[in-house]
C-alpha atoms as a PDB file:
ATOM      1  CA  MET A   1    -108.943  64.937  25.782  1.00  0.00           C
ATOM      2  CA  SER A   2    -109.032  61.338  24.609  1.00  0.00           C
ATOM      3  CA  HIS A   3    -106.073  59.093  25.293  1.00  0.00           C
ATOM      4  CA  LEU A   4    -104.783  57.096  22.334  1.00  0.00           C
ATOM      5  CA  GLN A   5    -102.732  53.919  22.784  1.00  0.00           C
ATOM      6  CA  SER A   6     -99.441  54.312  20.933  1.00  0.00           C
ATOM      7  CA  PRO A   7     -97.795  51.455  19.018  1.00  0.00           C
ATOM      8  CA  ARG A   8     -95.104  49.369  20.742  1.00  0.00           C
ATOM      9  CA  PRO A   9     -91.769  51.141  21.261  1.00  0.00           C
ATOM     10  CA  VAL A  10     -88.939  50.785  18.738  1.00  0.00           C
ATOM     11  CA  ILE A  11     -85.969  48.978  20.275  1.00  0.00           C
ATOM     12  CA  VAL A  12     -82.605  50.538  19.442  1.00  0.00           C
ATOM     13  CA  HIS A  13     -79.513  48.959  20.999  1.00  0.00           C
ATOM     14  CA  GLU A  14     -81.442  47.773  24.057  1.00  0.00           C
ATOM     15  CA  VAL A  15     -82.890  51.280  24.688  1.00  0.00           C
ATOM     16  CA  SER A  16     -86.677  51.758  24.400  1.00  0.00           C
ATOM     17  CA  ILE A  17     -87.529  54.992  22.567  1.00  0.00           C
ATOM     18  CA  ASP A  18     -91.299  55.578  22.521  1.00  0.00           C
ATOM     19  CA  LEU A  19     -91.219  57.846  19.455  1.00  0.00           C
ATOM     20  CA  PRO A  20     -94.960  57.631  18.572  1.00  0.00           C
ATOM     21  CA  ARG A  21     -96.003  58.839  22.051  1.00  0.00           C
ATOM     22  CA  ALA A  22     -93.487  61.688  21.932  1.00  0.00           C
ATOM     23  CA  TRP A  23     -94.664  62.757  18.488  1.00  0.00           C
ATOM     24  CA  LEU A  24     -98.288  62.584  19.594  1.00  0.00           C
ATOM     25  CA  SER A  25     -97.658  64.961  22.497  1.00  0.00           C
ATOM     26  CA  LEU A  26     -95.765  67.347  20.253  1.00  0.00           C
ATOM     27  CA  GLY A  27     -98.464  67.145  17.596  1.00  0.00           C
ATOM     28  CA  GLN A  28    -101.232  67.960  20.031  1.00  0.00           C
ATOM     29  CA  VAL A  29     -99.471  71.211  20.855  1.00  0.00           C
ATOM     30  CA  ILE A  30     -98.486  72.176  17.314  1.00  0.00           C
ATOM     31  CA  VAL A  31    -101.675  71.175  15.475  1.00  0.00           C
ATOM     32  CA  GLY A  32    -103.634  73.692  17.512  1.00  0.00           C
ATOM     33  CA  SER A  33    -101.234  76.465  16.626  1.00  0.00           C
ATOM     34  CA  ALA A  34    -101.048  78.571  13.488  1.00  0.00           C
ATOM     35  CA  MET A  35     -98.300  76.359  12.111  1.00  0.00           C
ATOM     36  CA  GLY A  36    -100.741  73.507  11.589  1.00  0.00           C
ATOM     37  CA  PHE A  37    -100.231  69.865  10.846  1.00  0.00           C
ATOM     38  CA  ARG A  38     -97.619  70.457   8.117  1.00  0.00           C
ATOM     39  CA  ARG A  39     -95.187  71.850  10.704  1.00  0.00           C
ATOM     40  CA  PHE A  40     -95.835  68.814  12.905  1.00  0.00           C
ATOM     41  CA  LEU A  41     -94.833  66.422  10.147  1.00  0.00           C
ATOM     42  CA  HIS A  42     -91.717  68.471   9.377  1.00  0.00           C
ATOM     43  CA  LEU A  43     -90.532  68.353  12.995  1.00  0.00           C
ATOM     44  CA  ALA A  44     -91.350  64.649  13.241  1.00  0.00           C
ATOM     45  CA  LEU A  45     -89.080  63.892  10.284  1.00  0.00           C
ATOM     46  CA  ILE A  46     -86.277  65.920  11.848  1.00  0.00           C
ATOM     47  CA  ALA A  47     -86.670  63.907  15.063  1.00  0.00           C
ATOM     48  CA  VAL A  48     -86.299  60.661  13.157  1.00  0.00           C
ATOM     49  CA  GLY A  49     -83.113  61.948  11.535  1.00  0.00           C
ATOM     50  CA  VAL A  50     -81.640  62.914  14.884  1.00  0.00           C
ATOM     51  CA  VAL A  51     -82.288  59.459  16.338  1.00  0.00           C
ATOM     52  CA  VAL A  52     -80.784  57.661  13.341  1.00  0.00           C
ATOM     53  CA  LEU A  53     -77.691  59.853  13.276  1.00  0.00           C
ATOM     54  CA  ALA A  54     -77.194  59.231  16.979  1.00  0.00           C
ATOM     55  CA  LEU A  55     -76.989  55.475  16.516  1.00  0.00           C
ATOM     56  CA  PRO A  56     -73.484  53.997  16.964  1.00  0.00           C
ATOM     57  CA  SER A  57     -71.847  52.696  13.791  1.00  0.00           C
ATOM     58  CA  GLY A  58     -72.734  49.041  13.162  1.00  0.00           C
ATOM     59  CA  PHE A  59     -76.149  49.143  14.897  1.00  0.00           C
ATOM     60  CA  ALA A  60     -79.364  48.810  12.921  1.00  0.00           C
ATOM     61  CA  LEU A  61     -82.976  49.620  13.524  1.00  0.00           C
ATOM     62  CA  GLU A  62     -85.269  46.772  14.401  1.00  0.00           C
ATOM     63  CA  GLN A  63     -86.663  46.415  10.876  1.00  0.00           C
ATOM     64  CA  GLU A  64     -83.189  45.835   9.402  1.00  0.00           C
ATOM     65  CA  LEU A  65     -82.745  42.702  11.526  1.00  0.00           C
ATOM     66  CA  GLU A  66     -85.730  41.003   9.930  1.00  0.00           C
ATOM     67  CA  PRO A  67     -85.472  38.545   6.999  1.00  0.00           C
ATOM     68  CA  THR A  68     -85.067  40.005   3.534  1.00  0.00           C
ATOM     69  CA  LYS A  69     -87.957  40.538   1.126  1.00  0.00           C
ATOM     70  CA  THR A  70     -87.302  37.104  -0.357  1.00  0.00           C
ATOM     71  CA  GLY A  71     -88.281  35.554   2.953  1.00  0.00           C
ATOM     72  CA  LYS A  72     -84.793  34.231   3.525  1.00  0.00           C
ATOM     73  CA  PRO A  73     -82.697  35.301   6.546  1.00  0.00           C
ATOM     74  CA  PRO A  74     -79.592  37.421   5.930  1.00  0.00           C
ATOM     75  CA  VAL A  75     -76.608  35.422   4.678  1.00  0.00           C
ATOM     76  CA  LYS A  76     -74.139  34.579   7.440  1.00  0.00           C
ATOM     77  CA  PRO A  77     -70.806  36.355   6.901  1.00  0.00           C
ATOM     78  CA  GLN A  78     -68.194  34.045   5.400  1.00  0.00           C
ATOM     79  CA  ASN A  79     -65.126  33.080   7.399  1.00  0.00           C
ATOM     80  CA  PRO A  80     -62.372  35.439   6.146  1.00  0.00           C
ATOM     81  CA  ALA A  81     -60.016  32.480   5.712  1.00  0.00           C
ATOM     82  CA  LEU A  82     -62.367  31.038   3.072  1.00  0.00           C
ATOM     83  CA  VAL A  83     -62.566  34.176   0.937  1.00  0.00           C
ATOM     84  CA  GLN A  84     -60.895  33.538  -2.414  1.00  0.00           C
ATOM     85  CA  VAL A  85     -58.042  35.816  -3.504  1.00  0.00           C
ATOM     86  CA  GLU A  86     -56.641  36.890  -6.855  1.00  0.00           C
ATOM     87  CA  ASP A  87     -53.122  35.990  -7.935  1.00  0.00           C
ATOM     88  CA  VAL A  88     -50.353  38.550  -8.017  1.00  0.00           C
ATOM     89  CA  ALA A  89     -48.476  38.044 -11.278  1.00  0.00           C
ATOM     90  CA  GLY A  90     -44.981  36.634 -11.019  1.00  0.00           C
ATOM     91  CA  LEU A  91     -45.380  34.976  -7.602  1.00  0.00           C
ATOM     92  CA  SER A  92     -45.358  31.282  -6.763  1.00  0.00           C
ATOM     93  CA  ARG A  93     -48.696  29.567  -6.114  1.00  0.00           C
ATOM     94  CA  VAL A  94     -49.344  27.710  -2.856  1.00  0.00           C
ATOM     95  CA  LEU A  95     -52.430  25.637  -2.013  1.00  0.00           C
ATOM     96  CA  LEU A  96     -53.390  24.959   1.610  1.00  0.00           C
ATOM     97  CA  ILE A  97     -55.739  21.986   2.097  1.00  0.00           C
ATOM     98  CA  GLY A  98     -57.113  21.162   5.514  1.00  0.00           C
ATOM     99  CA  ASP A  99     -59.874  21.408   8.089  1.00  0.00           C
ATOM    100  CA  SER A 100     -60.683  24.189  10.563  1.00  0.00           C
ATOM    101  CA  ILE A 101     -57.199  23.953  12.083  1.00  0.00           C
ATOM    102  CA  SER A 102     -55.745  25.088   8.765  1.00  0.00           C
ATOM    103  CA  MET A 103     -58.438  27.749   8.481  1.00  0.00           C
ATOM    104  CA  GLY A 104     -57.094  29.122  11.764  1.00  0.00           C
ATOM    105  CA  TYR A 105     -53.642  29.763  10.302  1.00  0.00           C
ATOM    106  CA  THR A 106     -54.519  30.565   6.657  1.00  0.00           C
ATOM    107  CA  LEU A 107     -54.672  34.358   6.993  1.00  0.00           C
ATOM    108  CA  GLU A 108     -51.445  34.507   9.005  1.00  0.00           C
ATOM    109  CA  VAL A 109     -49.627  32.352   6.449  1.00  0.00           C
ATOM    110  CA  ARG A 110     -50.928  34.481   3.587  1.00  0.00           C
ATOM    111  CA  GLU A 111     -49.808  37.680   5.282  1.00  0.00           C
ATOM    112  CA  ARG A 112     -46.322  36.373   6.057  1.00  0.00           C
ATOM    113  CA  LEU A 113     -45.839  35.158   2.487  1.00  0.00           C
ATOM    114  CA  LYS A 114     -47.068  38.396   0.913  1.00  0.00           C
ATOM    115  CA  GLY A 115     -44.768  39.282  -1.958  1.00  0.00           C
ATOM    116  CA  VAL A 116     -43.409  35.725  -2.012  1.00  0.00           C
ATOM    117  CA  ALA A 117     -46.344  33.516  -2.927  1.00  0.00           C
ATOM    118  CA  ASN A 118     -50.038  33.572  -3.750  1.00  0.00           C
ATOM    119  CA  VAL A 119     -51.566  31.526  -0.940  1.00  0.00           C
ATOM    120  CA  HIS A 120     -54.892  29.879  -1.764  1.00  0.00           C
ATOM    121  CA  ARG A 121     -57.193  27.374  -0.080  1.00  0.00           C
ATOM    122  CA  PRO A 122     -60.524  25.756  -0.990  1.00  0.00           C
ATOM    123  CA  PRO A 123     -63.520  27.843   0.123  1.00  0.00           C
ATOM    124  CA  GLN A 124     -64.521  25.207   2.676  1.00  0.00           C
ATOM    125  CA  ASN A 125     -63.474  23.108   5.622  1.00  0.00           C
ATOM    126  CA  CYS A 126     -61.858  20.229   3.714  1.00  0.00           C
ATOM    127  CA  GLY A 127     -63.019  17.639   6.249  1.00  0.00           C
ATOM    128  CA  ASP A 128     -61.916  14.012   6.047  1.00  0.00           C
ATOM    129  CA  SER A 129     -59.745  12.126   3.549  1.00  0.00           C
ATOM    130  CA  ALA A 130     -62.790  10.775   1.663  1.00  0.00           C
ATOM    131  CA  THR A 131     -63.900  14.353   0.976  1.00  0.00           C
ATOM    132  CA  GLY A 132     -60.366  15.132  -0.155  1.00  0.00           C
ATOM    133  CA  LEU A 133     -60.407  12.358  -2.749  1.00  0.00           C
ATOM    134  CA  LYS A 134     -63.790  13.464  -4.061  1.00  0.00           C
ATOM    135  CA  GLN A 135     -62.977  17.170  -4.227  1.00  0.00           C
ATOM    136  CA  LEU A 136     -59.269  17.241  -5.125  1.00  0.00           C
ATOM    137  CA  ASP A 137     -59.722  17.931  -8.835  1.00  0.00           C
ATOM    138  CA  ARG A 138     -62.033  20.853  -8.071  1.00  0.00           C
ATOM    139  CA  TRP A 139     -59.621  22.229  -5.463  1.00  0.00           C
ATOM    140  CA  LEU A 140     -56.699  21.993  -7.888  1.00  0.00           C
ATOM    141  CA  GLY A 141     -58.572  23.834 -10.626  1.00  0.00           C
ATOM    142  CA  THR A 142     -56.890  24.463 -13.956  1.00  0.00           C
ATOM    143  CA  GLY A 143     -53.813  26.351 -12.747  1.00  0.00           C
ATOM    144  CA  THR A 144     -50.423  25.021 -11.701  1.00  0.00           C
ATOM    145  CA  TRP A 145     -49.141  24.815  -8.147  1.00  0.00           C
ATOM    146  CA  ASP A 146     -45.645  25.200  -6.758  1.00  0.00           C
ATOM    147  CA  VAL A 147     -46.449  23.878  -3.260  1.00  0.00           C
ATOM    148  CA  ILE A 148     -49.389  21.890  -1.862  1.00  0.00           C
ATOM    149  CA  HIS A 149     -49.503  21.811   1.948  1.00  0.00           C
ATOM    150  CA  PHE A 150     -52.216  19.481   3.235  1.00  0.00           C
ATOM    151  CA  ASN A 151     -53.598  17.607   6.218  1.00  0.00           C
ATOM    152  CA  PHE A 152     -56.353  15.163   7.123  1.00  0.00           C
ATOM    153  CA  GLY A 153     -56.985  13.159  10.258  1.00  0.00           C
ATOM    154  CA  LEU A 154     -59.178  14.924  12.799  1.00  0.00           C
ATOM    155  CA  HIS A 155     -62.318  14.241  10.759  1.00  0.00           C
ATOM    156  CA  ASP A 156     -61.214  10.682   9.989  1.00  0.00           C
ATOM    157  CA  LEU A 157     -60.692   9.606  13.595  1.00  0.00           C
ATOM    158  CA  LYS A 158     -63.960  11.051  14.935  1.00  0.00           C
ATOM    159  CA  TYR A 159     -67.027   8.975  15.878  1.00  0.00           C
ATOM    160  CA  LEU A 160     -70.494   9.737  14.511  1.00  0.00           C
ATOM    161  CA  ASP A 161     -73.923   8.198  14.986  1.00  0.00           C
ATOM    162  CA  ALA A 162     -76.440   7.455  12.220  1.00  0.00           C
ATOM    163  CA  GLN A 163     -77.575  11.102  12.228  1.00  0.00           C
ATOM    164  CA  GLY A 164     -74.013  12.407  11.848  1.00  0.00           C
ATOM    165  CA  LYS A 165     -73.742  13.683  15.413  1.00  0.00           C
ATOM    166  CA  TYR A 166     -70.537  13.471  17.429  1.00  0.00           C
ATOM    167  CA  VAL A 167     -70.804  10.610  19.933  1.00  0.00           C
ATOM    168  CA  SER A 168     -68.627   8.399  22.110  1.00  0.00           C
ATOM    169  CA  PRO A 169     -67.024   5.318  20.466  1.00  0.00           C
ATOM    170  CA  GLU A 170     -69.551   2.902  21.965  1.00  0.00           C
ATOM    171  CA  GLN A 171     -72.435   4.954  20.528  1.00  0.00           C
ATOM    172  CA  GLY A 172     -71.196   5.441  16.968  1.00  0.00           C
ATOM    173  CA  THR A 173     -68.814   4.486  14.185  1.00  0.00           C
ATOM    174  CA  GLN A 174     -65.382   5.859  13.368  1.00  0.00           C
ATOM    175  CA  VAL A 175     -65.344   7.759  10.064  1.00  0.00           C
ATOM    176  CA  ALA A 176     -62.161   6.121   8.745  1.00  0.00           C
ATOM    177  CA  PRO A 177     -60.413   3.369  10.712  1.00  0.00           C
ATOM    178  CA  LEU A 178     -56.633   3.248  10.321  1.00  0.00           C
ATOM    179  CA  ALA A 179     -56.544   0.820   7.389  1.00  0.00           C
ATOM    180  CA  VAL A 180     -59.084   2.893   5.458  1.00  0.00           C
ATOM    181  CA  TYR A 181     -57.275   6.114   6.319  1.00  0.00           C
ATOM    182  CA  ARG A 182     -53.971   4.716   5.119  1.00  0.00           C
ATOM    183  CA  GLN A 183     -55.347   3.828   1.681  1.00  0.00           C
ATOM    184  CA  ARG A 184     -57.196   7.105   1.221  1.00  0.00           C
ATOM    185  CA  LEU A 185     -54.168   9.132   2.293  1.00  0.00           C
ATOM    186  CA  HIS A 186     -51.956   7.158  -0.081  1.00  0.00           C
ATOM    187  CA  ASP A 187     -54.293   7.736  -3.019  1.00  0.00           C
ATOM    188  CA  PHE A 188     -54.677  11.432  -2.271  1.00  0.00           C
ATOM    189  CA  THR A 189     -50.941  11.980  -1.955  1.00  0.00           C
ATOM    190  CA  VAL A 190     -50.197  10.199  -5.233  1.00  0.00           C
ATOM    191  CA  ARG A 191     -52.639  12.469  -7.034  1.00  0.00           C
ATOM    192  CA  ALA A 192     -51.250  15.599  -5.352  1.00  0.00           C
ATOM    193  CA  LYS A 193     -47.705  14.658  -6.377  1.00  0.00           C
ATOM    194  CA  ALA A 194     -48.843  14.089  -9.963  1.00  0.00           C
ATOM    195  CA  THR A 195     -49.437  17.844 -10.275  1.00  0.00           C
ATOM    196  CA  GLY A 196     -45.680  18.448 -10.173  1.00  0.00           C
ATOM    197  CA  ALA A 197     -45.965  20.563  -7.022  1.00  0.00           C
ATOM    198  CA  LYS A 198     -43.799  20.148  -3.962  1.00  0.00           C
ATOM    199  CA  VAL A 199     -46.098  18.338  -1.524  1.00  0.00           C
ATOM    200  CA  ILE A 200     -45.988  18.776   2.267  1.00  0.00           C
ATOM    201  CA  PHE A 201     -48.074  16.747   4.723  1.00  0.00           C
ATOM    202  CA  ALA A 202     -48.868  18.365   8.082  1.00  0.00           C
ATOM    203  CA  THR A 203     -49.294  15.908  10.941  1.00  0.00           C
ATOM    204  CA  THR A 204     -52.647  15.779  12.710  1.00  0.00           C
ATOM    205  CA  THR A 205     -52.649  17.982  15.800  1.00  0.00           C
ATOM    206  CA  PRO A 206     -53.412  16.538  19.264  1.00  0.00           C
ATOM    207  CA  VAL A 207     -56.824  15.459  20.486  1.00  0.00           C
ATOM    208  CA  PRO A 208     -57.030  16.701  24.105  1.00  0.00           C
ATOM    209  CA  PRO A 209     -59.044  14.902  26.803  1.00  0.00           C
ATOM    210  CA  GLY A 210     -62.751  15.637  26.938  1.00  0.00           C
ATOM    211  CA  CYS A 211     -63.336  16.252  23.206  1.00  0.00           C
ATOM    212  CA  GLN A 212     -66.814  15.296  22.008  1.00  0.00           C
ATOM    213  CA  GLY A 213     -66.736  12.483  19.436  1.00  0.00           C
ATOM    214  CA  ARG A 214     -62.983  11.928  19.607  1.00  0.00           C
ATOM    215  CA  VAL A 215     -60.659   9.892  21.814  1.00  0.00           C
ATOM    216  CA  ALA A 216     -57.698  11.662  23.372  1.00  0.00           C
ATOM    217  CA  GLY A 217     -54.445  10.491  21.839  1.00  0.00           C
ATOM    218  CA  ASP A 218     -55.986   8.886  18.741  1.00  0.00           C
ATOM    219  CA  GLU A 219     -53.917  11.220  16.574  1.00  0.00           C
ATOM    220  CA  VAL A 220     -50.816   9.165  17.473  1.00  0.00           C
ATOM    221  CA  GLY A 221     -51.939   6.139  15.458  1.00  0.00           C
ATOM    222  CA  TYR A 222     -53.123   8.259  12.544  1.00  0.00           C
ATOM    223  CA  ASN A 223     -49.835  10.134  12.399  1.00  0.00           C
ATOM    224  CA  ARG A 224     -47.885   6.874  12.535  1.00  0.00           C
ATOM    225  CA  VAL A 225     -49.796   5.607   9.495  1.00  0.00           C
ATOM    226  CA  ALA A 226     -49.407   8.962   7.720  1.00  0.00           C
ATOM    227  CA  LEU A 227     -45.652   9.061   8.293  1.00  0.00           C
ATOM    228  CA  GLU A 228     -45.314   5.579   6.806  1.00  0.00           C
ATOM    229  CA  VAL A 229     -47.220   6.690   3.704  1.00  0.00           C
ATOM    230  CA  MET A 230     -45.199   9.892   3.324  1.00  0.00           C
ATOM    231  CA  GLN A 231     -41.919   8.045   3.711  1.00  0.00           C
ATOM    232  CA  GLU A 232     -42.992   5.541   1.073  1.00  0.00           C
ATOM    233  CA  LEU A 233     -43.932   8.313  -1.363  1.00  0.00           C
ATOM    234  CA  GLY A 234     -41.033  10.649  -0.565  1.00  0.00           C
ATOM    235  CA  VAL A 235     -43.171  13.510   0.755  1.00  0.00           C
ATOM    236  CA  ALA A 236     -41.961  16.182   3.190  1.00  0.00           C
ATOM    237  CA  VAL A 237     -43.607  16.309   6.631  1.00  0.00           C
ATOM    238  CA  ASN A 238     -44.452  19.385   8.708  1.00  0.00           C
ATOM    239  CA  ASP A 239     -44.742  18.003  12.240  1.00  0.00           C
ATOM    240  CA  LEU A 240     -47.348  20.325  13.721  1.00  0.00           C
ATOM    241  CA  CYS A 241     -48.377  17.661  16.226  1.00  0.00           C
ATOM    242  CA  GLY A 242     -44.826  17.241  17.499  1.00  0.00           C
ATOM    243  CA  HIS A 243     -44.486  20.980  18.056  1.00  0.00           C
ATOM    244  CA  VAL A 244     -47.748  21.237  19.995  1.00  0.00           C
ATOM    245  CA  ALA A 245     -46.932  18.165  22.099  1.00  0.00           C
ATOM    246  CA  GLN A 246     -43.524  19.641  22.945  1.00  0.00           C
ATOM    247  CA  GLN A 247     -45.091  22.938  24.015  1.00  0.00           C
ATOM    248  CA  GLN A 248     -47.721  21.122  26.082  1.00  0.00           C
ATOM    249  CA  ARG A 249     -45.120  19.427  28.262  1.00  0.00           C
ATOM    250  CA  ALA A 250     -44.857  22.589  30.313  1.00  0.00           C
ATOM    251  CA  LEU A 251     -48.641  23.102  30.347  1.00  0.00           C
ATOM    252  CA  PRO A 252     -50.447  19.752  29.876  1.00  0.00           C
ATOM    253  CA  PRO A 253     -54.112  19.769  28.783  1.00  0.00           C
ATOM    254  CA  LEU A 254     -56.695  19.605  31.555  1.00  0.00           C
ATOM    255  CA  PRO A 255     -58.079  16.118  32.342  1.00  0.00           C
ATOM    256  CA  ALA A 256     -61.540  15.201  31.061  1.00  0.00           C
ATOM    257  CA  SER A 257     -62.764  15.089  34.677  1.00  0.00           C
ATOM    258  CA  ALA A 258     -62.295  18.871  34.859  1.00  0.00           C
ATOM    259  CA  LYS A 259     -64.714  19.510  31.978  1.00  0.00           C
ATOM    260  CA  PRO A 260     -67.725  21.481  33.272  1.00  0.00           C
ATOM    261  CA  ILE A 261     -71.212  20.090  32.827  1.00  0.00           C
ATOM    262  CA  PRO A 262     -73.686  22.494  31.116  1.00  0.00           C
ATOM    263  CA  PRO A 263     -75.065  24.940  32.029  1.00  0.00           C
ATOM    264  CA  ALA A 264     -71.820  25.630  33.891  1.00  0.00           C
ATOM    265  CA  PRO A 265     -69.648  28.185  32.057  1.00  0.00           C
ATOM    266  CA  GLN A 266     -66.891  26.967  29.764  1.00  0.00           C
ATOM    267  CA  VAL A 267     -63.303  26.845  30.961  1.00  0.00           C
ATOM    268  CA  LEU A 268     -61.147  29.563  29.427  1.00  0.00           C
ATOM    269  CA  PRO A 269     -57.663  28.809  28.068  1.00  0.00           C
ATOM    270  CA  ARG A 270     -54.839  29.343  30.539  1.00  0.00           C
ATOM    271  CA  PRO A 271     -52.125  31.893  29.714  1.00  0.00           C
ATOM    272  CA  GLY A 272     -49.737  30.305  27.233  1.00  0.00           C
ATOM    273  CA  GLU A 273     -52.112  27.475  26.318  1.00  0.00           C
ATOM    274  CA  LEU A 274     -52.077  26.606  22.597  1.00  0.00           C
ATOM    275  CA  GLN A 275     -55.326  24.640  22.422  1.00  0.00           C
ATOM    276  CA  LYS A 276     -58.702  25.463  23.886  1.00  0.00           C
ATOM    277  CA  PRO A 277     -59.673  23.261  26.861  1.00  0.00           C
ATOM    278  CA  PHE A 278     -61.461  20.023  25.849  1.00  0.00           C
ATOM    279  CA  ASP A 279     -61.302  21.095  22.212  1.00  0.00           C
ATOM    280  CA  VAL A 280     -59.137  20.280  19.192  1.00  0.00           C
ATOM    281  CA  HIS A 281     -59.155  23.924  18.126  1.00  0.00           C
ATOM    282  CA  PHE A 282     -56.439  26.438  18.896  1.00  0.00           C
ATOM    283  CA  THR A 283     -56.122  29.716  20.708  1.00  0.00           C
ATOM    284  CA  PRO A 284     -54.935  32.723  18.645  1.00  0.00           C
ATOM    285  CA  GLU A 285     -51.407  32.150  19.963  1.00  0.00           C
ATOM    286  CA  GLY A 286     -51.619  28.481  19.014  1.00  0.00           C
ATOM    287  CA  SER A 287     -52.689  29.319  15.459  1.00  0.00           C
ATOM    288  CA  ARG A 288     -49.843  31.837  15.179  1.00  0.00           C
ATOM    289  CA  GLN A 289     -47.320  29.195  16.156  1.00  0.00           C
ATOM    290  CA  LEU A 290     -48.741  26.749  13.613  1.00  0.00           C
ATOM    291  CA  ALA A 291     -48.543  29.477  10.967  1.00  0.00           C
ATOM    292  CA  THR A 292     -44.855  29.974  11.756  1.00  0.00           C
ATOM    293  CA  LEU A 293     -44.159  26.301  11.058  1.00  0.00           C
ATOM    294  CA  VAL A 294     -46.272  26.276   7.890  1.00  0.00           C
ATOM    295  CA  VAL A 295     -44.512  29.357   6.500  1.00  0.00           C
ATOM    296  CA  ALA A 296     -41.060  27.907   7.258  1.00  0.00           C
ATOM    297  CA  ASN A 297     -41.880  24.640   5.471  1.00  0.00           C
ATOM    298  CA  ILE A 298     -43.368  26.409   2.456  1.00  0.00           C
ATOM    299  CA  ARG A 299     -40.344  28.706   2.141  1.00  0.00           C
ATOM    300  CA  LYS A 300     -38.045  25.683   2.306  1.00  0.00           C
ATOM    301  CA  SER A 301     -39.982  23.923  -0.457  1.00  0.00           C
ATOM    302  CA  LEU A 302     -40.044  27.033  -2.660  1.00  0.00           C
ATOM    303  CA  SER A 303     -36.277  27.524  -2.298  1.00  0.00           C
ATOM    304  CA  SER A 304     -35.644  23.980  -3.474  1.00  0.00           C
ATOM    305  CA  ARG A 305     -37.589  24.319  -6.723  1.00  0.00           C
END
């Protein structure tokens, strides 16, 4: 009997199932019987069905992980916070504008204001104040807004090199120095107020030690400038930074010297920590606490209309 080399095994959830070799052995027995080759094919198809049905939900065969017929890879799932929602008639309309910090609390805010307000946000990380000025008309759309809650800062105070990579201050340029930030924030706020909405500015949250492309504590100067602008224009302030700083007194951020050097594993947040170590982003508990403050400020603004 000749020995045929079977094709490579199909990989299913890290388990190698050599289906062609198994079918070959079965076929060699059945083909010689009275049932013939037709019975062999029938049993082979049943075997395929059994394997597919046995796969856990959410797992795909190897072929399904390949690029689509167009040659393009599968589209990356969109962050749920960026998915656009339809208005519920009769409710107030609220617009959240901000970077990834605001993306972290968007869904929680929307859930807590269900039945009270339609909570929207642009389908993107809103980035720095220059992006805000360029995109504001598009973000506002053609509808009216009851409350606009916004923030900039973390993408203004960062340092980038000529290729747009995060670098230390001596290796790059700050996106928007304080004087530039002040003017951009002023112009943005004036335009937001012109919509007739109640406008709320959220202070820039802390920059912990060890963050790539940012200097720890730089948010202090940016918030000082922002508070001066908001006071001048009569805009309400949601002091997210003050809340986080207060909470961090009991559990201060780790020093930059404690940051592991790759390939060492990352440091996990400590119990009760609001921000991730060496990162401007928040833990789930941190985002929940920010959402609580955002909801309270929005409710206050809605009640005063």
